[in-house]
Amino acid sequence: MKNVGEFESIEDAFATALARARREAALLAHQYASLSSAESGEPVLTLLATEWGYDLRHEHQTVTRYWIHSRPIPAVS
């Protein structure tokens, strides 16, 4: 897991996750293009929106997850 930042709003966090997922999908598309799914006419990569963020999938396998996590609330002593 890699933390890519803290955001002021949930909308900013989801927008950043989506942009990163799209960028990775573009970079990986040519690597998967020669695999069997490309010949069958199915999408090489699928970007799936979830309630936690975005999953980048090849066929039914998750390649990368871009998930949003809430900031831990510090304990009050």
Protein backbone atom coordinates (compact mmCIF):
# COMPACT_ATOMS: atom_id res chain seq x y z
CA MET A 1 0.00 0.00 0.00
CA LYS A 2 1.23 3.45 -0.89
CA ASN A 3 -0.11 6.69 0.57
CA VAL A 4 -0.37 9.31 -2.16
CA GLY A 5 -1.49 12.20 0.02
CA GLU A 6 -4.05 13.73 2.32
CA PHE A 7 -6.92 15.76 0.90
CA GLU A 8 -9.24 18.44 2.21
CA SER A 9 -12.32 16.81 0.69
CA ILE A 10 -13.46 13.35 -0.27
CA GLU A 11 -14.15 14.67 -3.78
CA ASP A 12 -10.48 15.67 -4.18
CA ALA A 13 -9.37 12.25 -2.97
CA PHE A 14 -11.62 10.43 -5.45
CA ALA A 15 -10.61 12.73 -8.32
CA THR A 16 -6.93 12.05 -7.62
CA ALA A 17 -7.52 8.30 -7.37
CA LEU A 18 -9.42 8.30 -10.67
CA ALA A 19 -6.71 10.31 -12.44
CA ARG A 20 -4.00 7.93 -11.20
CA ALA A 21 -6.04 4.86 -12.19
CA ARG A 22 -6.65 6.25 -15.70
CA ARG A 23 -2.95 7.09 -16.10
CA GLU A 24 -1.90 3.58 -15.08
CA ALA A 25 -4.54 2.04 -17.37
CA ALA A 26 -3.09 3.97 -20.31
CA LEU A 27 0.43 2.81 -19.46
CA LEU A 28 -0.58 -0.84 -19.05
CA ALA A 29 -2.96 -1.07 -22.02
CA HIS A 30 -0.24 -1.87 -24.55
CA GLN A 31 1.23 -4.58 -22.27
CA TYR A 32 -2.10 -6.40 -22.09
CA ALA A 33 -3.06 -5.79 -25.73
CA SER A 34 -1.26 -8.91 -26.93
CA LEU A 35 -3.02 -11.21 -24.45
CA SER A 36 -5.97 -13.44 -25.31
CA SER A 37 -8.67 -11.07 -24.04
CA ALA A 38 -7.74 -8.55 -26.74
CA GLU A 39 -8.38 -11.19 -29.40
CA SER A 40 -11.78 -12.08 -27.95
CA GLY A 41 -12.99 -8.50 -28.24
CA GLU A 42 -13.25 -7.91 -24.49
CA PRO A 43 -11.71 -4.77 -23.02
CA VAL A 44 -8.04 -5.18 -22.23
CA LEU A 45 -8.39 -3.33 -18.92
CA THR A 46 -11.47 -2.36 -16.97
CA LEU A 47 -11.65 0.58 -14.58
CA LEU A 48 -14.25 -0.26 -11.95
CA ALA A 49 -15.63 2.37 -9.57
CA THR A 50 -16.23 1.02 -6.07
CA GLU A 51 -17.48 2.62 -2.89
CA TRP A 52 -13.84 2.71 -1.67
CA GLY A 53 -12.17 4.09 -4.81
CA TYR A 54 -11.23 2.44 -8.10
CA ASP A 55 -10.01 -0.99 -9.18
CA LEU A 56 -8.04 -1.55 -12.36
CA ARG A 57 -8.74 -5.07 -13.66
CA HIS A 58 -7.56 -7.36 -16.40
CA GLU A 59 -10.28 -9.93 -17.08
CA HIS A 60 -11.38 -10.88 -13.54
CA GLN A 61 -8.05 -10.17 -11.85
CA THR A 62 -7.47 -6.92 -9.96
CA VAL A 63 -4.20 -5.39 -11.14
CA THR A 64 -4.21 -2.27 -8.94
CA ARG A 65 -6.49 -0.71 -6.36
CA TYR A 66 -6.80 2.99 -5.70
CA TRP A 67 -8.70 3.15 -2.43
CA ILE A 68 -9.68 6.09 -0.29
CA HIS A 69 -9.17 5.78 3.48
CA SER A 70 -10.35 8.18 6.12
CA ARG A 71 -7.81 9.93 8.26
CA PRO A 72 -7.43 8.32 11.70
CA ILE A 73 -8.99 10.37 14.47
CA PRO A 74 -6.41 11.05 17.18
CA ALA A 75 -7.30 9.74 20.62
CA VAL A 76 -8.18 12.39 23.16
CA SER A 77 -6.55 11.86 26.53
